Structures are given as structure tokens and as C-alpha cells.
Amino acid sequence: MSEGAIYLDHHATTPVDPEVLAEMLPWFTERPGNPHSRHHEHGWSAEAAVDIARSEIAALVNASDRDVFFTSGATESNNWAIKGMVPTFEDGRRRILVSAIEHPCVLNAARATGLTVTILPVDQGGGVDPQRVRAELEQGDVGLVSIMLANNEIGTIQPIAAIGRMAHEAGVPLHCDAAQAVGRIPVDMERLGVDLMSVTAHKLYGPKGIGALIVAPGWQKRLQPLIHGGGQQEGLRSGTVPTPLAVGFGAAAARARILLGSERRSLAALRNRLWAGIEGGIEGATLNGSEIMRLPGNLNFHIPGVDADDIIRAAPEIAVSTGSACSSESSAPSHVLAAIGLSEPDIRGSIRIGLGRPNTEEEVDMAIDVLIRAAVKVRK
């Protein structure tokens, strides 16, 4: 991949929006205050800036600003939600429900608790059957349900509202990894019935290194801290909140709320244009995942008889990936694609594209041409 490659990997991370960066910069140099310093105006101004950011993030998901607890990112948020809830399980509840296509940090955090982890299967589109969730909950031994809102590889959007209703009927909290969804589709935490929601800034044109766990009021007193220290953030997540990053997160959330409607439509149109060109120009190219219930900028497909790594090497003009950025160092086949029934050769031939705010029709057309040429070259 060359440095000037067209960036089509927005599921891995998004570039910081220039307006977001402008909001952040003064807090790196001109405004040095610690938001937890209560004895001078530098600390007060930093605290106020963090509070504003918290409010913007809450507004994006229809939560209260008091429900937002800053973390280092979605991985920490997911670990905290799972490991922090396990000590509160009622007697006899020794199981955690997760879907087969959860992010590795959710799967591994659940396994690390030592409890029984029930892996819910998904259909060919990557969807979880809410009735399967109900059947598991009716056994009475489930202490937590953790199902992501939108998948990071195939973009599948889960029926979280239905799952949330079932979890609440059973008196079980629902955790949702919404890192890929927030800022890309409308997210209403209350309507979805989510009790703990993980989000991160760098998936919505904010800075890397900051995320949040949004916790419904009824569960805040039960959630146990994962990080102990000076008692910041109501004692639930100690450590100094990084003001520049929090400001950037808040600014990115505010921008996402304004642009959400128009951006969804434009990204869906670009994605459809891209897929039409690939499907029509590469023999056998097949979509992975749901055709309808997927993120607007997501495209994941496989090309029979080729290795996606070879395609990517033959297409240095574009930046795409074969799967999750968080597991790219592993040579193991994607557990997400395996869960929806793909064979190992088709998994090896799969490419993930994540369209984002900066992409244009001209870039999409160039990507189509580049991928078609690369497929021809590799097949020869």
C-alpha cells in the first residue's frame, strides 16, 4: 500500500475530522488544566470542557450525561462491562450469552471470567435469532447478554431492541458493543433497551485512545470498577480524563449527530455503486453478510479461487483489508466469516471495505477499476 492510497478502511479507524482537530488543539498547549483540579480556573475550564463532551456523546445515543464514563477505548469498555458485571450476578446465574461474531475483546473477556460462555449462532447474514436468546434466558442461569449492535467485518446490524426486551423480561442486563454503529446509524440507547453500551471516538472521526462505557442509571451502583486509583468519575473509572481527547470525542459526536442523516444516504449510495461495479466486473464476486441489514458504508465480499492478500498486494492504489484490524496480526481465518458458513478458501478470498466521510464517487470508480485489474492479474 502506498502512502497516497485511497483510504477505504474506515472500519479499522477513521481520520480525525479537521473541525474536531481544531477543537482539540488548544487543550494540548494553551489550556493545560487537569479536569480533576478543583482549586483554579485552569482545572475548572478543563472540567467544563469534559462535561460538554460528555453531554455531546450522551445526546448522540439518547442517554444522560451522567451515564457516560470515559475509558481508553472500546476494548477497555467491553472488558469493563463484562468483568465489572460478573461480581453482581445473582446466585445461580453463571452464564454469559454472546454472539458468534462478537469482537475478540468481548469473546476473550467473557472467557476470562471463568464462567460458562454460550455462543449464539448466527444466520448466513450474520443475524442473531431473538427467539434463540429467549430460549437461553428461560433457563434462568444467564447473568449477562453481550451482543454487538453492528459487526466490524460484515456490517450486520443486530435486532437489539427485540433482544433488549427479552433480557429485561428475564431481569438480565444487556451489554452492547456499539463501536461500529454509533455515528453511522441512529442509536437510541433507551429505545434499544441497552443497559451498558461501549463506544469509541476513533470510529466516528475523533481521536484514538479514548472511548466510553455508557451505563444506564439502574446499573451504575452494581457495576464494579476495573481500574482503581484516585476515585475519578464517581469512583467507577479512576485515572485522569485526557481533556484534549475528551474534547475531540465530544466534537466528533456533535458532528456525527448533525451529519448522520445525509451521511447515511451518501455512504449507502457509494457502497451500492462500488458493489455494482465489483459484482459486474469480477466473475464470481459474492457478497458476505446481509444485503439489507448492514452498515451503509460496509462492503465485504469474496472472490472464488483467489487469496485476498494477493489481491491487496496487486492493488496498492487503495487501502482495504481482509478483516478486523484488531486481529490482522493473526493468520487464523476470520471467526466472523466462518460463523456465517463460508469455507476456508472463501474466507481467504474475502475483502473488507469501509467507506467513510471523505470518500467520493471518483474514488469509488477508481477502486472498482483497481480491484478488477488486480483480480485479473492474480487469476492469471
Protein backbone atom coordinates (compact mmCIF):
# COMPACT_ATOMS: atom_id res chain seq x y z
CA MET A 1 0.00 0.00 0.00
CA SER A 2 1.45 3.36 -0.98
CA GLU A 3 1.21 6.41 1.24
CA GLY A 4 -1.15 8.10 -1.20
CA ALA A 5 -3.53 5.16 -1.45
CA ILE A 6 -7.26 5.90 -1.42
CA TYR A 7 -8.38 5.16 2.13
CA LEU A 8 -11.22 2.61 2.19
CA ASP A 9 -10.69 1.10 5.64
CA HIS A 10 -12.94 3.22 7.86
CA HIS A 11 -13.99 0.24 9.98
CA ALA A 12 -10.41 -0.04 11.22
CA THR A 13 -10.26 3.66 12.06
CA THR A 14 -11.40 6.99 10.69
CA PRO A 15 -9.30 10.10 10.07
CA VAL A 16 -9.80 12.88 12.58
CA ASP A 17 -12.25 15.42 11.19
CA PRO A 18 -10.49 18.81 10.68
CA GLU A 19 -13.15 20.60 12.74
CA VAL A 20 -12.62 18.09 15.54
CA LEU A 21 -8.86 18.62 15.45
CA ALA A 22 -9.32 22.39 15.66
CA GLU A 23 -11.37 21.95 18.84
CA MET A 24 -8.70 19.71 20.37
CA LEU A 25 -5.52 21.65 19.64
CA PRO A 26 -5.76 24.39 22.32
CA TRP A 27 -6.13 21.75 25.03
CA PHE A 28 -2.73 20.29 24.16
CA THR A 29 -0.86 23.58 24.65
CA GLU A 30 -2.75 26.71 25.64
CA ARG A 31 -5.08 25.12 28.19
CA PRO A 32 -3.07 22.76 30.40
CA GLY A 33 -5.54 22.24 33.23
CA ASN A 34 -6.35 18.85 34.74
CA PRO A 35 -10.14 18.40 34.72
CA HIS A 36 -9.95 16.98 38.25
CA SER A 37 -8.11 20.01 39.71
CA ARG A 38 -10.70 21.96 41.70
CA HIS A 39 -8.61 24.88 43.00
CA HIS A 40 -8.01 27.13 39.99
CA GLU A 41 -9.57 28.28 36.74
CA HIS A 42 -7.40 26.04 34.55
CA GLY A 43 -8.89 22.99 36.20
CA TRP A 44 -12.39 24.45 36.15
CA SER A 45 -12.24 25.20 32.42
CA ALA A 46 -10.93 21.72 31.66
CA GLU A 47 -13.68 20.18 33.78
CA ALA A 48 -16.29 22.23 31.94
CA ALA A 49 -14.88 21.13 28.57
CA VAL A 50 -15.03 17.47 29.61
CA ASP A 51 -18.60 17.92 30.84
CA ILE A 52 -19.62 19.42 27.48
CA ALA A 53 -18.01 16.49 25.67
CA ARG A 54 -19.84 14.06 27.92
CA SER A 55 -23.14 15.77 27.07
CA GLU A 56 -22.49 15.60 23.32
CA ILE A 57 -21.72 11.88 23.48
CA ALA A 58 -24.84 11.25 25.57
CA ALA A 59 -27.01 13.21 23.12
CA LEU A 60 -25.78 11.07 20.22
CA VAL A 61 -27.20 7.90 21.85
CA ASN A 62 -30.11 9.43 23.82
CA ALA A 63 -28.56 8.93 27.25
CA SER A 64 -27.90 11.24 30.19
CA ASP A 65 -24.51 12.90 30.50
CA ARG A 66 -24.29 11.34 33.97
CA ASP A 67 -24.30 7.92 32.29
CA VAL A 68 -21.09 8.49 30.28
CA PHE A 69 -17.82 7.21 31.75
CA PHE A 70 -14.67 7.81 29.74
CA THR A 71 -12.29 4.92 29.03
CA SER A 72 -9.25 4.35 26.81
CA GLY A 73 -11.41 2.87 24.05
CA ALA A 74 -13.97 0.22 23.20
CA THR A 75 -11.69 -2.65 24.22
CA GLU A 76 -11.49 -1.34 27.78
CA SER A 77 -15.21 -0.54 27.77
CA ASN A 78 -16.10 -4.07 26.66
CA ASN A 79 -13.80 -5.64 29.25
CA TRP A 80 -15.20 -3.40 31.98
CA ALA A 81 -18.82 -4.08 31.09
CA ILE A 82 -18.32 -7.84 31.25
CA LYS A 83 -15.84 -8.19 34.10
CA GLY A 84 -17.47 -5.42 36.10
CA MET A 85 -20.90 -7.02 35.96
CA VAL A 86 -19.91 -10.61 36.78
CA PRO A 87 -19.43 -9.97 40.54
CA THR A 88 -23.01 -8.68 40.71
CA PHE A 89 -24.63 -11.81 39.26
CA GLU A 90 -27.39 -13.26 41.39
CA ASP A 91 -26.93 -16.74 42.84
CA GLY A 92 -27.35 -19.42 40.21
CA ARG A 93 -26.57 -17.14 37.28
CA ARG A 94 -23.28 -18.46 35.93
CA ARG A 95 -23.62 -17.98 32.17
CA ILE A 96 -22.85 -15.19 29.71
CA LEU A 97 -24.55 -15.07 26.30
CA VAL A 98 -22.57 -13.72 23.35
CA SER A 99 -22.97 -13.99 19.60
CA ALA A 100 -20.60 -16.00 17.42
CA ILE A 101 -19.46 -12.84 15.62
CA GLU A 102 -18.56 -10.64 18.58
CA HIS A 103 -15.31 -8.69 18.57
CA PRO A 104 -12.42 -10.75 20.02
CA CYS A 105 -12.21 -8.47 23.07
CA VAL A 106 -15.78 -9.41 24.02
CA LEU A 107 -15.26 -13.12 23.44
CA ASN A 108 -11.96 -13.19 25.31
CA ALA A 109 -13.19 -11.03 28.18
CA ALA A 110 -16.18 -13.34 28.66
CA ARG A 111 -13.94 -16.41 28.65
CA ALA A 112 -11.57 -14.76 31.12
CA THR A 113 -14.32 -14.58 33.76
CA GLY A 114 -14.21 -18.35 34.18
CA LEU A 115 -17.97 -18.58 33.75
CA THR A 116 -19.78 -20.59 31.10
CA VAL A 117 -19.89 -18.68 27.82
CA THR A 118 -22.74 -19.63 25.50
CA ILE A 119 -22.01 -18.76 21.87
CA LEU A 120 -25.19 -17.90 19.98
CA PRO A 121 -25.10 -18.95 16.30
CA VAL A 122 -25.92 -16.51 13.51
CA ASP A 123 -27.64 -16.98 10.16
CA GLN A 124 -25.96 -16.53 6.77
CA GLY A 125 -26.45 -12.78 7.02
CA GLY A 126 -24.81 -12.69 10.43
CA GLY A 127 -28.02 -12.09 12.40
CA VAL A 128 -28.81 -13.47 15.83
CA ASP A 129 -32.27 -15.03 16.25
CA PRO A 130 -34.00 -13.26 19.19
CA GLN A 131 -36.01 -16.41 19.87
CA ARG A 132 -32.76 -18.29 20.50
CA VAL A 133 -31.87 -15.60 23.05
CA ARG A 134 -35.26 -16.05 24.70
CA ALA A 135 -34.79 -19.82 24.92
CA GLU A 136 -31.43 -19.38 26.65
CA LEU A 137 -32.79 -16.78 29.06
CA GLU A 138 -35.69 -19.03 30.03
CA GLN A 139 -33.21 -21.47 31.58
CA GLY A 140 -32.74 -18.96 34.40
CA ASP A 141 -28.95 -19.16 34.72
CA VAL A 142 -27.86 -16.31 32.43
CA GLY A 143 -26.31 -13.31 34.18
CA LEU A 144 -25.40 -11.10 31.20
CA VAL A 145 -26.16 -10.81 27.48
CA SER A 146 -23.48 -9.15 25.32
CA ILE A 147 -24.33 -8.70 21.64
CA MET A 148 -22.85 -6.05 19.35
CA LEU A 149 -25.07 -3.59 17.52
CA ALA A 150 -23.15 -3.70 14.21
CA ASN A 151 -20.39 -6.06 13.18
CA ASN A 152 -16.93 -4.75 12.39
CA GLU A 153 -16.29 -7.11 9.47
CA ILE A 154 -19.56 -7.71 7.62
CA GLY A 155 -21.51 -4.73 8.96
CA THR A 156 -24.52 -6.77 10.10
CA ILE A 157 -26.95 -4.81 12.29
CA GLN A 158 -28.48 -6.94 15.03
CA PRO A 159 -32.13 -6.86 16.29
CA ILE A 160 -31.01 -5.34 19.57
CA ALA A 161 -34.37 -3.82 20.51
CA ALA A 162 -36.04 -7.26 20.47
CA ILE A 163 -33.15 -8.81 22.39
CA GLY A 164 -33.25 -5.96 24.91
CA ARG A 165 -36.94 -6.56 25.64
CA MET A 166 -36.29 -10.24 26.27
CA ALA A 167 -33.31 -9.57 28.51
CA HIS A 168 -35.30 -7.12 30.62
CA GLU A 169 -38.21 -9.53 30.94
CA ALA A 170 -35.70 -12.01 32.38
CA GLY A 171 -34.12 -9.39 34.65
CA VAL A 172 -30.77 -9.72 32.89
CA PRO A 173 -28.63 -6.72 31.83
CA LEU A 174 -27.81 -6.25 28.14
CA HIS A 175 -24.36 -5.02 27.12
CA CYS A 176 -23.87 -3.82 23.56
CA ASP A 177 -20.63 -3.12 21.74
CA ALA A 178 -21.77 -0.20 19.58
CA ALA A 179 -18.34 1.00 18.46
CA GLN A 180 -19.06 0.46 14.77
CA ALA A 181 -22.65 1.70 14.90
CA VAL A 182 -22.56 5.00 16.79
CA GLY A 183 -22.19 7.87 14.35
CA ARG A 184 -23.06 5.66 11.39
CA ILE A 185 -26.69 4.75 12.10
CA PRO A 186 -29.22 6.21 14.56
CA VAL A 187 -28.63 4.78 18.05
CA ASP A 188 -31.14 5.28 20.87
CA MET A 189 -29.92 3.51 23.98
CA GLU A 190 -33.28 3.74 25.74
CA ARG A 191 -35.33 2.51 22.78
CA LEU A 192 -32.93 -0.37 22.21
CA GLY A 193 -33.13 -1.42 25.85
CA VAL A 194 -29.35 -1.43 26.28
CA ASP A 195 -28.02 -1.21 29.84
CA LEU A 196 -24.31 -0.89 29.08
CA MET A 197 -23.03 0.46 25.76
CA SER A 198 -19.40 0.58 24.57
CA VAL A 199 -18.35 3.34 22.17
CA THR A 200 -15.07 4.76 20.90
CA ALA A 201 -14.01 8.04 19.31
CA HIS A 202 -11.78 6.83 16.50
CA LYS A 203 -14.62 5.12 14.65
CA LEU A 204 -16.51 8.42 14.24
CA TYR A 205 -13.75 10.81 13.12
CA GLY A 206 -12.45 11.52 16.61
CA PRO A 207 -9.06 10.77 18.19
CA LYS A 208 -7.63 7.37 19.02
CA GLY A 209 -7.12 6.48 22.66
CA ILE A 210 -10.47 7.43 24.14
CA GLY A 211 -13.83 5.70 24.38
CA ALA A 212 -16.68 5.43 26.85
CA LEU A 213 -18.88 2.99 28.64
CA ILE A 214 -22.40 4.36 28.87
CA VAL A 215 -24.21 2.83 31.84
CA ALA A 216 -27.95 3.09 32.50
CA PRO A 217 -28.65 4.57 35.96
CA GLY A 218 -30.08 1.36 37.39
CA TRP A 219 -26.80 -0.47 36.88
CA GLN A 220 -24.25 2.14 37.93
CA LYS A 221 -24.32 1.14 41.60
CA ARG A 222 -23.86 -2.52 40.70
CA LEU A 223 -21.06 -2.17 38.14
CA GLN A 224 -17.68 -2.86 39.72
CA PRO A 225 -14.58 -0.80 38.79
CA LEU A 226 -11.97 -2.37 36.55
CA ILE A 227 -9.37 0.35 37.25
CA HIS A 228 -8.77 1.65 40.78
CA GLY A 229 -6.99 4.84 41.72
CA GLY A 230 -7.89 8.36 42.78
CA GLY A 231 -11.64 7.92 42.52
CA GLN A 232 -12.29 9.97 39.40
CA GLN A 233 -15.58 9.55 37.50
CA GLU A 234 -17.61 8.71 40.59
CA GLY A 235 -15.02 6.14 41.62
CA LEU A 236 -16.06 3.84 38.78
CA ARG A 237 -13.15 4.57 36.45
CA SER A 238 -10.14 6.15 38.10
CA GLY A 239 -7.43 7.99 36.21
CA THR A 240 -7.13 11.46 34.72
CA VAL A 241 -9.55 12.03 31.87
CA PRO A 242 -7.41 13.30 28.94
CA THR A 243 -9.03 16.65 28.21
CA PRO A 244 -7.86 17.02 24.57
CA LEU A 245 -9.11 13.56 23.68
CA ALA A 246 -12.41 14.03 25.52
CA VAL A 247 -12.96 17.35 23.75
CA GLY A 248 -12.25 15.64 20.42
CA PHE A 249 -14.65 12.82 21.24
CA GLY A 250 -17.38 15.30 22.10
CA ALA A 251 -16.78 17.37 18.98
CA ALA A 252 -16.85 14.24 16.82
CA ALA A 253 -20.14 13.17 18.43
CA ALA A 254 -21.64 16.60 17.78
CA ARG A 255 -20.54 16.48 14.12
CA ALA A 256 -21.90 12.96 13.73
CA ARG A 257 -25.30 14.00 15.08
CA ILE A 258 -25.54 16.82 12.54
CA LEU A 259 -24.33 14.79 9.55
CA LEU A 260 -25.91 11.43 10.36
CA GLY A 261 -28.91 11.53 8.02
CA SER A 262 -27.15 12.86 4.93
CA GLU A 263 -24.05 10.75 5.52
CA ARG A 264 -26.04 7.52 5.79
CA ARG A 265 -27.65 8.16 2.42
CA SER A 266 -24.44 9.20 0.68
CA LEU A 267 -22.42 6.26 2.02
CA ALA A 268 -25.13 3.77 1.09
CA ALA A 269 -25.17 5.19 -2.44
CA LEU A 270 -21.39 4.95 -2.71
CA ARG A 271 -21.42 1.41 -1.33
CA ASN A 272 -24.08 0.32 -3.83
CA ARG A 273 -22.12 1.92 -6.68
CA LEU A 274 -18.97 0.14 -5.55
CA TRP A 275 -20.63 -3.24 -5.25
CA ALA A 276 -22.38 -2.92 -8.62
CA GLY A 277 -19.02 -2.27 -10.25
CA ILE A 278 -17.26 -5.14 -8.49
CA GLU A 279 -20.08 -7.64 -8.99
CA GLY A 280 -20.32 -6.75 -12.66
CA GLY A 281 -16.58 -6.69 -13.28
CA ILE A 282 -15.19 -9.62 -11.27
CA GLU A 283 -16.57 -13.01 -12.15
CA GLY A 284 -17.91 -14.88 -9.13
CA ALA A 285 -17.58 -12.00 -6.64
CA THR A 286 -20.06 -12.77 -3.86
CA LEU A 287 -21.35 -10.60 -1.02
CA ASN A 288 -20.62 -11.74 2.54
CA GLY A 289 -23.34 -10.99 5.08
CA SER A 290 -26.75 -9.38 4.88
CA GLU A 291 -27.69 -7.42 1.79
CA ILE A 292 -30.06 -5.15 3.73
CA MET A 293 -29.33 -5.17 7.48
CA ARG A 294 -25.79 -3.80 7.28
CA LEU A 295 -23.95 -0.55 7.90
CA PRO A 296 -24.31 1.88 4.99
CA GLY A 297 -20.57 2.13 4.29
CA ASN A 298 -19.74 -1.55 4.72
CA LEU A 299 -18.85 -3.94 1.92
CA ASN A 300 -17.44 -7.43 2.47
CA PHE A 301 -17.16 -9.91 -0.39
CA HIS A 302 -15.15 -12.89 -1.54
CA ILE A 303 -13.63 -13.80 -4.89
CA PRO A 304 -13.57 -17.56 -5.51
CA GLY A 305 -10.23 -19.15 -6.23
CA VAL A 306 -8.00 -16.28 -5.11
CA ASP A 307 -6.27 -15.16 -1.92
CA ALA A 308 -7.37 -11.70 -0.77
CA ASP A 309 -3.83 -10.89 0.36
CA ASP A 310 -2.69 -11.34 -3.25
CA ILE A 311 -5.45 -9.00 -4.45
CA ILE A 312 -4.45 -6.36 -1.91
CA ARG A 313 -0.79 -6.60 -2.89
CA ALA A 314 -1.79 -6.18 -6.53
CA ALA A 315 -3.87 -3.09 -5.68
CA PRO A 316 -1.52 -0.64 -3.92
CA GLU A 317 -3.63 2.32 -5.06
CA ILE A 318 -6.31 1.53 -2.46
CA ALA A 319 -6.24 0.82 1.27
CA VAL A 320 -8.56 -2.08 2.14
CA SER A 321 -8.27 -5.07 4.46
CA THR A 322 -9.11 -8.75 4.76
CA GLY A 323 -10.92 -8.40 8.09
CA SER A 324 -10.72 -6.88 11.55
CA ALA A 325 -7.76 -4.56 12.17
CA CYS A 326 -7.61 -5.85 15.74
CA SER A 327 -6.86 -9.40 14.59
CA SER A 328 -4.80 -8.63 11.47
CA GLU A 329 -1.61 -9.96 13.06
CA SER A 330 -3.16 -13.41 13.32
CA SER A 331 -3.14 -15.80 10.38
CA ALA A 332 -6.24 -17.61 11.67
CA PRO A 333 -9.30 -17.46 9.38
CA SER A 334 -11.94 -14.92 10.35
CA HIS A 335 -14.28 -16.33 13.01
CA VAL A 336 -16.98 -13.97 11.72
CA LEU A 337 -16.91 -15.34 8.18
CA ALA A 338 -16.70 -18.90 9.49
CA ALA A 339 -19.78 -18.27 11.63
CA ILE A 340 -21.87 -17.29 8.58
CA GLY A 341 -20.88 -20.51 6.82
CA LEU A 342 -18.03 -19.57 4.48
CA SER A 343 -15.48 -22.23 3.60
CA GLU A 344 -11.85 -21.56 4.45
CA PRO A 345 -10.90 -20.87 0.79
CA ASP A 346 -13.72 -18.30 0.53
CA ILE A 347 -12.66 -16.74 3.83
CA ARG A 348 -9.12 -16.42 2.47
CA GLY A 349 -10.57 -14.75 -0.60
CA SER A 350 -12.60 -12.15 1.32
CA ILE A 351 -12.01 -8.40 1.32
CA ARG A 352 -13.48 -5.80 3.68
CA ILE A 353 -14.09 -2.25 2.51
CA GLY A 354 -15.23 0.52 4.82
CA LEU A 355 -16.36 3.70 3.09
CA GLY A 356 -16.28 6.94 5.03
CA ARG A 357 -16.95 10.66 5.11
CA PRO A 358 -14.06 11.74 2.82
CA ASN A 359 -14.73 9.23 0.01
CA THR A 360 -16.07 10.39 -3.36
CA GLU A 361 -17.66 8.85 -6.44
CA GLU A 362 -14.39 9.34 -8.33
CA GLU A 363 -12.52 7.34 -5.68
CA VAL A 364 -15.13 4.59 -5.78
CA ASP A 365 -14.86 4.33 -9.56
CA MET A 366 -11.08 4.19 -9.31
CA ALA A 367 -11.34 1.46 -6.65
CA ILE A 368 -13.57 -0.59 -8.97
CA ASP A 369 -11.03 -0.36 -11.80
CA VAL A 370 -8.12 -1.18 -9.48
CA LEU A 371 -9.85 -4.23 -7.99
CA ILE A 372 -10.91 -5.57 -11.38
CA ARG A 373 -7.35 -5.25 -12.72
CA ALA A 374 -5.94 -6.86 -9.56
CA ALA A 375 -8.36 -9.80 -9.82
CA VAL A 376 -7.41 -10.40 -13.44
CA LYS A 377 -3.71 -10.24 -12.58
CA VAL A 378 -3.98 -12.63 -9.64
CA ARG A 379 -6.12 -15.11 -11.52
CA LYS A 380 -3.55 -15.25 -14.32
